[in-house]
Each structure stands twice: as structure tokens, then as C-alpha cells.
PDB file of N, CA and C in Angstrom:
ATOM      1  N   MET A   1     262.430 241.574 107.181  1.00  0.00           N
ATOM      2  CA  MET A   1     261.005 241.513 106.934  1.00  0.00           C
ATOM      3  C   MET A   1     260.219 241.721 108.225  1.00  0.00           C
ATOM      4  N   GLU A   2     260.736 241.156 109.324  1.00  0.00           N
ATOM      5  CA  GLU A   2     260.050 241.302 110.608  1.00  0.00           C
ATOM      6  C   GLU A   2     260.072 242.757 111.069  1.00  0.00           C
ATOM      7  N   VAL A   3     261.169 243.451 110.807  1.00  0.00           N
ATOM      8  CA  VAL A   3     261.292 244.866 111.187  1.00  0.00           C
ATOM      9  C   VAL A   3     260.281 245.696 110.420  1.00  0.00           C
ATOM     10  N   LEU A   4     260.102 245.417 109.159  1.00  0.00           N
ATOM     11  CA  LEU A   4     259.144 246.137 108.336  1.00  0.00           C
ATOM     12  C   LEU A   4     257.719 245.933 108.842  1.00  0.00           C
ATOM     13  N   ILE A   5     257.395 244.731 109.266  1.00  0.00           N
ATOM     14  CA  ILE A   5     256.061 244.448 109.817  1.00  0.00           C
ATOM     15  C   ILE A   5     255.861 245.193 111.130  1.00  0.00           C
ATOM     16  N   CYS A   6     256.871 245.219 111.991  1.00  0.00           N
ATOM     17  CA  CYS A   6     256.772 245.950 113.270  1.00  0.00           C
ATOM     18  C   CYS A   6     256.589 247.448 113.033  1.00  0.00           C
ATOM     19  N   VAL A   7     257.345 248.006 112.116  1.00  0.00           N
ATOM     20  CA  VAL A   7     257.237 249.434 111.815  1.00  0.00           C
ATOM     21  C   VAL A   7     255.861 249.748 111.247  1.00  0.00           C
ATOM     22  N   ALA A   8     255.382 248.933 110.344  1.00  0.00           N
ATOM     23  CA  ALA A   8     254.055 249.144 109.763  1.00  0.00           C
ATOM     24  C   ALA A   8     252.971 249.046 110.836  1.00  0.00           C
ATOM     25  N   PHE A   9     253.122 248.108 111.767  1.00  0.00           N
ATOM     26  CA  PHE A   9     252.157 247.961 112.853  1.00  0.00           C
ATOM     27  C   PHE A   9     252.094 249.222 113.710  1.00  0.00           C
ATOM     28  N   TRP A  10     253.263 249.744 114.102  1.00  0.00           N
ATOM     29  CA  TRP A  10     253.285 250.928 114.956  1.00  0.00           C
ATOM     30  C   TRP A  10     252.792 252.171 114.212  1.00  0.00           C
ATOM     31  N   VAL A  11     253.047 252.248 112.930  1.00  0.00           N
ATOM     32  CA  VAL A  11     252.521 253.371 112.141  1.00  0.00           C
ATOM     33  C   VAL A  11     251.004 253.327 112.128  1.00  0.00           C
ATOM     34  N   LEU A  12     250.442 252.144 111.971  1.00  0.00           N
ATOM     35  CA  LEU A  12     248.979 251.995 111.991  1.00  0.00           C
ATOM     36  C   LEU A  12     248.395 252.311 113.370  1.00  0.00           C
ATOM     37  N   VAL A  13     249.073 251.906 114.428  1.00  0.00           N
ATOM     38  CA  VAL A  13     248.592 252.192 115.791  1.00  0.00           C
ATOM     39  C   VAL A  13     248.592 253.694 116.054  1.00  0.00           C
ATOM     40  N   ILE A  14     249.668 254.375 115.684  1.00  0.00           N
ATOM     41  CA  ILE A  14     249.749 255.826 115.906  1.00  0.00           C
ATOM     42  C   ILE A  14     248.743 256.563 115.031  1.00  0.00           C
ATOM     43  N   ALA A  15     248.580 256.140 113.783  1.00  0.00           N
ATOM     44  CA  ALA A  15     247.596 256.783 112.895  1.00  0.00           C
ATOM     45  C   ALA A  15     246.185 256.587 113.428  1.00  0.00           C
ATOM     46  N   GLY A  16     245.890 255.400 113.952  1.00  0.00           N
ATOM     47  CA  GLY A  16     244.565 255.149 114.530  1.00  0.00           C
ATOM     48  C   GLY A  16     244.313 255.996 115.771  1.00  0.00           C
ATOM     49  N   ALA A  17     245.330 256.162 116.597  1.00  0.00           N
ATOM     50  CA  ALA A  17     245.181 256.993 117.796  1.00  0.00           C
ATOM     51  C   ALA A  17     244.971 258.448 117.428  1.00  0.00           C
ATOM     52  N   MET A  18     245.653 258.918 116.369  1.00  0.00           N
ATOM     53  CA  MET A  18     245.475 260.309 115.951  1.00  0.00           C
ATOM     54  C   MET A  18     244.080 260.542 115.391  1.00  0.00           C
ATOM     55  N   VAL A  19     243.557 259.570 114.669  1.00  0.00           N
ATOM     56  CA  VAL A  19     242.215 259.706 114.100  1.00  0.00           C
ATOM     57  C   VAL A  19     241.169 259.738 115.208  1.00  0.00           C
ATOM     58  N   ARG A  20     241.340 258.936 116.218  1.00  0.00           N
ATOM     59  CA  ARG A  20     240.382 258.904 117.333  1.00  0.00           C
ATOM     60  C   ARG A  20     240.528 260.098 118.261  1.00  0.00           C
ATOM     61  N   GLY A  21     241.606 260.813 118.162  1.00  0.00           N
ATOM     62  CA  GLY A  21     241.805 262.003 118.996  1.00  0.00           C
ATOM     63  C   GLY A  21     242.449 261.719 120.326  1.00  0.00           C
ATOM     64  N   ARG A  22     242.952 260.517 120.525  1.00  0.00           N
ATOM     65  CA  ARG A  22     243.583 260.181 121.804  1.00  0.00           C
ATOM     66  C   ARG A  22     244.991 260.747 121.920  1.00  0.00           C
ATOM     67  N   TRP A  23     245.663 260.812 120.818  1.00  0.00           N
ATOM     68  CA  TRP A  23     247.054 261.272 120.840  1.00  0.00           C
ATOM     69  C   TRP A  23     247.158 262.531 120.006  1.00  0.00           C
ATOM     70  N   LYS A  24     247.604 263.584 120.618  1.00  0.00           N
ATOM     71  CA  LYS A  24     247.790 264.845 119.903  1.00  0.00           C
ATOM     72  C   LYS A  24     249.248 265.238 120.032  1.00  0.00           C
ATOM     73  N   PRO A  25     249.881 265.593 118.939  1.00  0.00           N
ATOM     74  CA  PRO A  25     251.285 265.993 119.027  1.00  0.00           C
ATOM     75  C   PRO A  25     251.434 267.267 119.855  1.00  0.00           C
ATOM     76  N   GLN A  26     252.509 267.353 120.610  1.00  0.00           N
ATOM     77  CA  GLN A  26     252.777 268.520 121.439  1.00  0.00           C
ATOM     78  C   GLN A  26     253.123 269.706 120.541  1.00  0.00           C
ATOM     79  N   VAL A  27     252.391 270.789 120.703  1.00  0.00           N
ATOM     80  CA  VAL A  27     252.644 272.004 119.941  1.00  0.00           C
ATOM     81  C   VAL A  27     253.197 273.041 120.906  1.00  0.00           C
ATOM     82  N   ALA A  28     254.308 273.612 120.565  1.00  0.00           N
ATOM     83  CA  ALA A  28     254.906 274.631 121.428  1.00  0.00           C
ATOM     84  C   ALA A  28     254.045 275.892 121.367  1.00  0.00           C
ATOM     85  N   MET A  29     253.462 276.258 122.508  1.00  0.00           N
ATOM     86  CA  MET A  29     252.609 277.439 122.572  1.00  0.00           C
ATOM     87  C   MET A  29     253.345 278.556 123.295  1.00  0.00           C
ATOM     88  N   GLU A  30     253.154 279.757 122.821  1.00  0.00           N
ATOM     89  CA  GLU A  30     253.655 280.907 123.559  1.00  0.00           C
ATOM     90  C   GLU A  30     252.549 281.360 124.494  1.00  0.00           C
ATOM     91  N   THR A  31     252.914 281.880 125.614  1.00  0.00           N
ATOM     92  CA  THR A  31     251.929 282.327 126.572  1.00  0.00           C
ATOM     93  C   THR A  31     251.246 283.607 126.093  1.00  0.00           C
ATOM     94  N   LEU A  32     249.994 283.752 126.452  1.00  0.00           N
ATOM     95  CA  LEU A  32     249.204 284.921 126.079  1.00  0.00           C
ATOM     96  C   LEU A  32     249.756 286.190 126.737  1.00  0.00           C
ATOM     97  N   CYS A  33     250.477 286.021 127.814  1.00  0.00           N
ATOM     98  CA  CYS A  33     251.007 287.161 128.572  1.00  0.00           C
ATOM     99  C   CYS A  33     252.026 287.991 127.776  1.00  0.00           C
ATOM    100  N   LEU A  34     252.651 287.396 126.768  1.00  0.00           N
ATOM    101  CA  LEU A  34     253.668 288.126 126.011  1.00  0.00           C
ATOM    102  C   LEU A  34     253.089 289.296 125.234  1.00  0.00           C
ATOM    103  N   THR A  35     251.780 289.279 124.954  1.00  0.00           N
ATOM    104  CA  THR A  35     251.144 290.363 124.211  1.00  0.00           C
ATOM    105  C   THR A  35     250.155 291.140 125.060  1.00  0.00           C
ATOM    106  N   CYS A  36     250.174 290.965 126.371  1.00  0.00           N
ATOM    107  CA  CYS A  36     249.213 291.625 127.264  1.00  0.00           C
ATOM    108  C   CYS A  36     249.814 292.894 127.868  1.00  0.00           C
ATOM    109  N   VAL A  37     248.975 293.897 128.018  1.00  0.00           N
ATOM    110  CA  VAL A  37     249.406 295.164 128.614  1.00  0.00           C
ATOM    111  C   VAL A  37     249.671 294.997 130.108  1.00  0.00           C
ATOM    112  N   ASN A  38     248.970 294.083 130.764  1.00  0.00           N
ATOM    113  CA  ASN A  38     249.071 293.914 132.211  1.00  0.00           C
ATOM    114  C   ASN A  38     250.258 293.063 132.645  1.00  0.00           C
ATOM    115  N   SER A  39     251.057 292.562 131.720  1.00  0.00           N
ATOM    116  CA  SER A  39     252.145 291.672 132.099  1.00  0.00           C
ATOM    117  C   SER A  39     253.488 292.399 132.109  1.00  0.00           C
ATOM    118  N   VAL A  40     254.379 291.875 132.945  1.00  0.00           N
ATOM    119  CA  VAL A  40     255.753 292.350 133.004  1.00  0.00           C
ATOM    120  C   VAL A  40     256.626 291.142 132.689  1.00  0.00           C
ATOM    121  N   VAL A  41     257.366 291.196 131.583  1.00  0.00           N
ATOM    122  CA  VAL A  41     258.193 290.072 131.136  1.00  0.00           C
ATOM    123  C   VAL A  41     259.655 290.447 131.323  1.00  0.00           C
ATOM    124  N   THR A  42     260.358 289.612 132.075  1.00  0.00           N
ATOM    125  CA  THR A  42     261.784 289.820 132.309  1.00  0.00           C
ATOM    126  C   THR A  42     262.529 288.646 131.687  1.00  0.00           C
ATOM    127  N   ARG A  43     263.428 288.940 130.751  1.00  0.00           N
ATOM    128  CA  ARG A  43     264.174 287.883 130.060  1.00  0.00           C
ATOM    129  C   ARG A  43     265.623 287.887 130.522  1.00  0.00           C
ATOM    130  N   GLY A  44     266.134 286.678 130.704  1.00  0.00           N
ATOM    131  CA  GLY A  44     267.521 286.521 131.110  1.00  0.00           C
ATOM    132  C   GLY A  44     268.422 286.247 129.929  1.00  0.00           C
ATOM    133  N   GLN A  45     269.715 286.183 130.192  1.00  0.00           N
ATOM    134  CA  GLN A  45     270.693 285.960 129.151  1.00  0.00           C
ATOM    135  C   GLN A  45     270.587 284.557 128.570  1.00  0.00           C
ATOM    136  N   SER A  46     270.160 283.601 129.370  1.00  0.00           N
ATOM    137  CA  SER A  46     270.072 282.214 128.906  1.00  0.00           C
ATOM    138  C   SER A  46     268.804 281.935 128.111  1.00  0.00           C
ATOM    139  N   GLY A  47     267.940 282.932 127.957  1.00  0.00           N
ATOM    140  CA  GLY A  47     266.711 282.751 127.192  1.00  0.00           C
ATOM    141  C   GLY A  47     265.490 282.493 128.053  1.00  0.00           C
ATOM    142  N   LYS A  48     265.688 282.321 129.349  1.00  0.00           N
ATOM    143  CA  LYS A  48     264.551 282.107 130.240  1.00  0.00           C
ATOM    144  C   LYS A  48     263.812 283.423 130.445  1.00  0.00           C
ATOM    145  N   ALA A  49     262.506 283.308 130.654  1.00  0.00           N
ATOM    146  CA  ALA A  49     261.688 284.499 130.877  1.00  0.00           C
ATOM    147  C   ALA A  49     260.886 284.323 132.158  1.00  0.00           C
ATOM    148  N   MET A  50     260.829 285.381 132.956  1.00  0.00           N
ATOM    149  CA  MET A  50     259.979 285.406 134.144  1.00  0.00           C
ATOM    150  C   MET A  50     258.834 286.365 133.840  1.00  0.00           C
ATOM    151  N   ILE A  51     257.603 285.911 134.074  1.00  0.00           N
ATOM    152  CA  ILE A  51     256.437 286.711 133.756  1.00  0.00           C
ATOM    153  C   ILE A  51     255.666 286.994 135.033  1.00  0.00           C
ATOM    154  N   ALA A  52     255.245 288.243 135.183  1.00  0.00           N
ATOM    155  CA  ALA A  52     254.412 288.644 136.315  1.00  0.00           C
ATOM    156  C   ALA A  52     253.202 289.396 135.773  1.00  0.00           C
ATOM    157  N   CYS A  53     252.081 289.244 136.447  1.00  0.00           N
ATOM    158  CA  CYS A  53     250.847 289.915 136.046  1.00  0.00           C
ATOM    159  C   CYS A  53     250.546 291.010 137.066  1.00  0.00           C
ATOM    160  N   ARG A  54     250.220 292.201 136.572  1.00  0.00           N
ATOM    161  CA  ARG A  54     249.926 293.309 137.472  1.00  0.00           C
ATOM    162  C   ARG A  54     248.458 293.734 137.393  1.00  0.00           C
ATOM    163  N   LEU A  55     247.588 292.841 136.956  1.00  0.00           N
ATOM    164  CA  LEU A  55     246.160 293.114 136.902  1.00  0.00           C
ATOM    165  C   LEU A  55     245.635 293.293 138.320  1.00  0.00           C
ATOM    166  N   GLY A  56     244.951 294.364 138.575  1.00  0.00           N
ATOM    167  CA  GLY A  56     244.423 294.638 139.906  1.00  0.00           C
ATOM    168  C   GLY A  56     245.392 295.381 140.796  1.00  0.00           C
ATOM    169  N   GLY A  57     246.537 295.790 140.263  1.00  0.00           N
ATOM    170  CA  GLY A  57     247.479 296.600 141.027  1.00  0.00           C
ATOM    171  C   GLY A  57     248.494 295.812 141.832  1.00  0.00           C
ATOM    172  N   VAL A  58     248.454 294.485 141.805  1.00  0.00           N
ATOM    173  CA  VAL A  58     249.384 293.663 142.572  1.00  0.00           C
ATOM    174  C   VAL A  58     250.192 292.811 141.594  1.00  0.00           C
ATOM    175  N   MET A  59     251.509 292.751 141.784  1.00  0.00           N
ATOM    176  CA  MET A  59     252.359 291.925 140.927  1.00  0.00           C
ATOM    177  C   MET A  59     252.296 290.477 141.407  1.00  0.00           C
ATOM    178  N   ARG A  60     251.840 289.582 140.515  1.00  0.00           N
ATOM    179  CA  ARG A  60     251.768 288.160 140.841  1.00  0.00           C
ATOM    180  C   ARG A  60     252.565 287.377 139.804  1.00  0.00           C
ATOM    181  N   PRO A  61     253.430 286.449 140.238  1.00  0.00           N
ATOM    182  CA  PRO A  61     254.184 285.657 139.259  1.00  0.00           C
ATOM    183  C   PRO A  61     253.263 284.677 138.535  1.00  0.00           C
ATOM    184  N   VAL A  62     253.502 284.505 137.243  1.00  0.00           N
ATOM    185  CA  VAL A  62     252.748 283.543 136.439  1.00  0.00           C
ATOM    186  C   VAL A  62     253.695 282.387 136.159  1.00  0.00           C
ATOM    187  N   LYS A  63     253.359 281.192 136.657  1.00  0.00           N
ATOM    188  CA  LYS A  63     254.274 280.057 136.582  1.00  0.00           C
ATOM    189  C   LYS A  63     253.830 278.991 135.587  1.00  0.00           C
ATOM    190  N   PHE A  64     252.926 279.329 134.671  1.00  0.00           N
ATOM    191  CA  PHE A  64     252.452 278.359 133.690  1.00  0.00           C
ATOM    192  C   PHE A  64     252.142 279.079 132.388  1.00  0.00           C
ATOM    193  N   THR A  65     251.898 278.328 131.323  1.00  0.00           N
ATOM    194  CA  THR A  65     251.589 278.900 130.023  1.00  0.00           C
ATOM    195  C   THR A  65     250.110 279.259 129.984  1.00  0.00           C
ATOM    196  N   VAL A  66     249.806 280.517 129.770  1.00  0.00           N
ATOM    197  CA  VAL A  66     248.427 281.001 129.769  1.00  0.00           C
ATOM    198  C   VAL A  66     247.884 280.965 128.342  1.00  0.00           C
ATOM    199  N   CYS A  67     246.703 280.352 128.165  1.00  0.00           N
ATOM    200  CA  CYS A  67     246.090 280.339 126.834  1.00  0.00           C
ATOM    201  C   CYS A  67     244.803 281.161 126.818  1.00  0.00           C
ATOM    202  N   GLN A  68     244.165 281.385 127.970  1.00  0.00           N
ATOM    203  CA  GLN A  68     242.988 282.243 128.077  1.00  0.00           C
ATOM    204  C   GLN A  68     243.084 283.027 129.373  1.00  0.00           C
ATOM    205  N   CYS A  69     242.644 284.292 129.326  1.00  0.00           N
ATOM    206  CA  CYS A  69     242.686 285.126 130.527  1.00  0.00           C
ATOM    207  C   CYS A  69     241.560 286.143 130.450  1.00  0.00           C
ATOM    208  N   THR A  70     240.789 286.294 131.530  1.00  0.00           N
ATOM    209  CA  THR A  70     239.687 287.255 131.534  1.00  0.00           C
ATOM    210  C   THR A  70     240.184 288.684 131.649  1.00  0.00           C
ATOM    211  N   GLY A  71     241.409 288.879 132.124  1.00  0.00           N
ATOM    212  CA  GLY A  71     241.968 290.221 132.254  1.00  0.00           C
ATOM    213  C   GLY A  71     242.870 290.608 131.104  1.00  0.00           C
ATOM    214  N   PHE A  72     242.837 289.849 129.997  1.00  0.00           N
ATOM    215  CA  PHE A  72     243.733 290.109 128.875  1.00  0.00           C
ATOM    216  C   PHE A  72     243.358 291.403 128.174  1.00  0.00           C
ATOM    217  N   CYS A  73     244.361 292.226 127.916  1.00  0.00           N
ATOM    218  CA  CYS A  73     244.188 293.453 127.151  1.00  0.00           C
ATOM    219  C   CYS A  73     245.390 293.539 126.216  1.00  0.00           C
ATOM    220  N   GLY A  74     245.168 293.271 124.951  1.00  0.00           N
ATOM    221  CA  GLY A  74     246.259 293.218 123.985  1.00  0.00           C
ATOM    222  C   GLY A  74     246.960 294.553 123.833  1.00  0.00           C
ATOM    223  N   SER A  75     248.269 294.486 123.656  1.00  0.00           N
ATOM    224  CA  SER A  75     249.040 295.718 123.512  1.00  0.00           C
ATOM    225  C   SER A  75     248.854 296.341 122.130  1.00  0.00           C
ATOM    226  N   ALA A  76     248.328 295.592 121.170  1.00  0.00           N
ATOM    227  CA  ALA A  76     248.112 296.125 119.821  1.00  0.00           C
ATOM    228  C   ALA A  76     246.758 296.825 119.698  1.00  0.00           C
ATOM    229  N   VAL A  77     245.901 296.683 120.713  1.00  0.00           N
ATOM    230  CA  VAL A  77     244.576 297.293 120.674  1.00  0.00           C
ATOM    231  C   VAL A  77     244.702 298.761 121.071  1.00  0.00           C
ATOM    232  N   PRO A  78     244.182 299.685 120.273  1.00  0.00           N
ATOM    233  CA  PRO A  78     244.284 301.097 120.646  1.00  0.00           C
ATOM    234  C   PRO A  78     243.444 301.403 121.890  1.00  0.00           C
ATOM    235  N   VAL A  79     243.981 302.249 122.733  1.00  0.00           N
ATOM    236  CA  VAL A  79     243.296 302.616 123.972  1.00  0.00           C
ATOM    237  C   VAL A  79     242.321 303.748 123.677  1.00  0.00           C
ATOM    238  N   LYS A  80     241.086 303.591 124.134  1.00  0.00           N
ATOM    239  CA  LYS A  80     240.073 304.623 123.927  1.00  0.00           C
ATOM    240  C   LYS A  80     240.055 305.542 125.151  1.00  0.00           C
ATOM    241  N   LEU A  81     240.189 306.826 124.918  1.00  0.00           N
ATOM    242  CA  LEU A  81     240.122 307.788 126.001  1.00  0.00           C
ATOM    243  C   LEU A  81     238.667 308.093 126.302  1.00  0.00           C
ATOM    244  N   VAL A  82     238.343 308.179 127.575  1.00  0.00           N
ATOM    245  CA  VAL A  82     236.981 308.455 127.990  1.00  0.00           C
ATOM    246  C   VAL A  82     236.888 309.919 128.388  1.00  0.00           C
ATOM    247  N   LYS A  83     235.944 310.629 127.820  1.00  0.00           N
ATOM    248  CA  LYS A  83     235.739 312.029 128.151  1.00  0.00           C
ATOM    249  C   LYS A  83     234.415 312.141 128.875  1.00  0.00           C
ATOM    250  N   ILE A  84     234.464 312.601 130.115  1.00  0.00           N
ATOM    251  CA  ILE A  84     233.260 312.746 130.923  1.00  0.00           C
ATOM    252  C   ILE A  84     232.818 314.200 130.850  1.00  0.00           C
ATOM    253  N   GLU A  85     231.581 314.386 130.461  1.00  0.00           N
ATOM    254  CA  GLU A  85     231.040 315.735 130.345  1.00  0.00           C
ATOM    255  C   GLU A  85     229.833 315.880 131.266  1.00  0.00           C
ATOM    256  N   GLY A  86     229.660 317.081 131.795  1.00  0.00           N
ATOM    257  CA  GLY A  86     228.465 317.372 132.573  1.00  0.00           C
ATOM    258  C   GLY A  86     228.616 317.258 134.076  1.00  0.00           C
ATOM    259  N   PHE A  87     229.809 316.931 134.578  1.00  0.00           N
ATOM    260  CA  PHE A  87     229.984 316.785 136.012  1.00  0.00           C
ATOM    261  C   PHE A  87     230.856 317.878 136.623  1.00  0.00           C
ATOM    262  N   VAL A  88     231.292 318.833 135.850  1.00  0.00           N
ATOM    263  CA  VAL A  88     232.194 319.874 136.336  1.00  0.00           C
ATOM    264  C   VAL A  88     231.415 321.182 136.428  1.00  0.00           C
ATOM    265  N   ARG A  89     231.516 321.817 137.579  1.00  0.00           N
ATOM    266  CA  ARG A  89     230.872 323.123 137.743  1.00  0.00           C
ATOM    267  C   ARG A  89     231.709 324.192 137.074  1.00  0.00           C
ATOM    268  N   GLU A  90     231.054 325.250 136.718  1.00  0.00           N
ATOM    269  CA  GLU A  90     231.797 326.376 136.179  1.00  0.00           C
ATOM    270  C   GLU A  90     232.547 327.052 137.313  1.00  0.00           C
ATOM    271  N   GLU A  91     233.655 327.689 137.019  1.00  0.00           N
ATOM    272  CA  GLU A  91     234.538 328.243 138.046  1.00  0.00           C
ATOM    273  C   GLU A  91     233.852 329.316 138.879  1.00  0.00           C
ATOM    274  N   ARG A  92     233.036 330.176 138.285  1.00  0.00           N
ATOM    275  CA  ARG A  92     232.440 331.268 139.063  1.00  0.00           C
ATOM    276  C   ARG A  92     231.487 330.739 140.130  1.00  0.00           C
ATOM    277  N   GLU A  93     230.821 329.600 139.876  1.00  0.00           N
ATOM    278  CA  GLU A  93     229.929 329.034 140.882  1.00  0.00           C
ATOM    279  C   GLU A  93     230.721 328.478 142.063  1.00  0.00           C
ATOM    280  N   VAL A  94     231.853 327.867 141.811  1.00  0.00           N
ATOM    281  CA  VAL A  94     232.671 327.299 142.877  1.00  0.00           C
ATOM    282  C   VAL A  94     233.198 328.415 143.768  1.00  0.00           C
ATOM    283  N   TYR A  95     233.701 329.502 143.188  1.00  0.00           N
ATOM    284  CA  TYR A  95     234.237 330.599 143.995  1.00  0.00           C
ATOM    285  C   TYR A  95     233.147 331.345 144.731  1.00  0.00           C
ATOM    286  N   ALA A  96     231.931 331.361 144.208  1.00  0.00           N
ATOM    287  CA  ALA A  96     230.841 332.066 144.883  1.00  0.00           C
ATOM    288  C   ALA A  96     230.469 331.359 146.180  1.00  0.00           C
ATOM    289  N   GLU A  97     230.629 330.051 146.255  1.00  0.00           N
ATOM    290  CA  GLU A  97     230.266 329.309 147.461  1.00  0.00           C
ATOM    291  C   GLU A  97     231.242 329.564 148.608  1.00  0.00           C
ATOM    292  N   VAL A  98     232.505 329.831 148.332  1.00  0.00           N
ATOM    293  CA  VAL A  98     233.491 330.014 149.397  1.00  0.00           C
ATOM    294  C   VAL A  98     233.894 331.482 149.551  1.00  0.00           C
ATOM    295  N   GLU A  99     233.041 332.380 149.123  1.00  0.00           N
ATOM    296  CA  GLU A  99     233.359 333.801 149.216  1.00  0.00           C
ATOM    297  C   GLU A  99     233.345 334.237 150.677  1.00  0.00           C
ATOM    298  N   ILE A 100     234.374 334.978 151.082  1.00  0.00           N
ATOM    299  CA  ILE A 100     234.464 335.455 152.467  1.00  0.00           C
ATOM    300  C   ILE A 100     233.882 336.842 152.540  1.00  0.00           C
ATOM    301  N   PRO A 101     232.899 337.078 153.462  1.00  0.00           N
ATOM    302  CA  PRO A 101     232.260 338.408 153.536  1.00  0.00           C
ATOM    303  C   PRO A 101     233.159 339.483 154.140  1.00  0.00           C
TER     304      PRO A 101
END
């Protein structure tokens, strides 16, 4: 009977803490880097993964679980090609400037 009272007490304490928001169960999160174009993920045979970020042209190791990143670019997002018009001279004008007399 005493064991049942102790168990009921601890169940009430944990339920009260969860309602107040003090205790949150640990949720296994995957890092945001696994779906980013700027990341390099190297996996070993034992299941460990080493992650490096190449944003800005420099490889930097990432040693923690990332949940938000300002440089994130998802690999599932289609890349938009940019076409610049109006800045290229026509070929005859370019050759006319360097014509040798």
C-alpha cells in the first residue's frame, strides 16, 4: 500500500511539472544541416557523423545540433537561375574599339 502511495505521489508531481512547463521530455532532434546545401556530412561505420559547413567558402566543423540557421538553403528547394540582360555589348562594337590601323 505504501508503494502505491509513493508511485501515485510521483506521478502527480511529474504531471504537475509537465503542466507548468518546467519539465519537457527529451525529443531526439536531427540537425538542420542534414538537409542543407551548404553542409558536408561524413558518416562513419559506427554510425557517427561529422558535419562541416561551407557557407562563405570556408569549411567549419559544426559540433552541436542546429535547429535554426540564417544560411540554411534546403536541398529540396529548386535553384532559380538568374539571367542578366542588358550588360553585354554586341561583338562588332567590342572589335571596333581595338581595331589596329
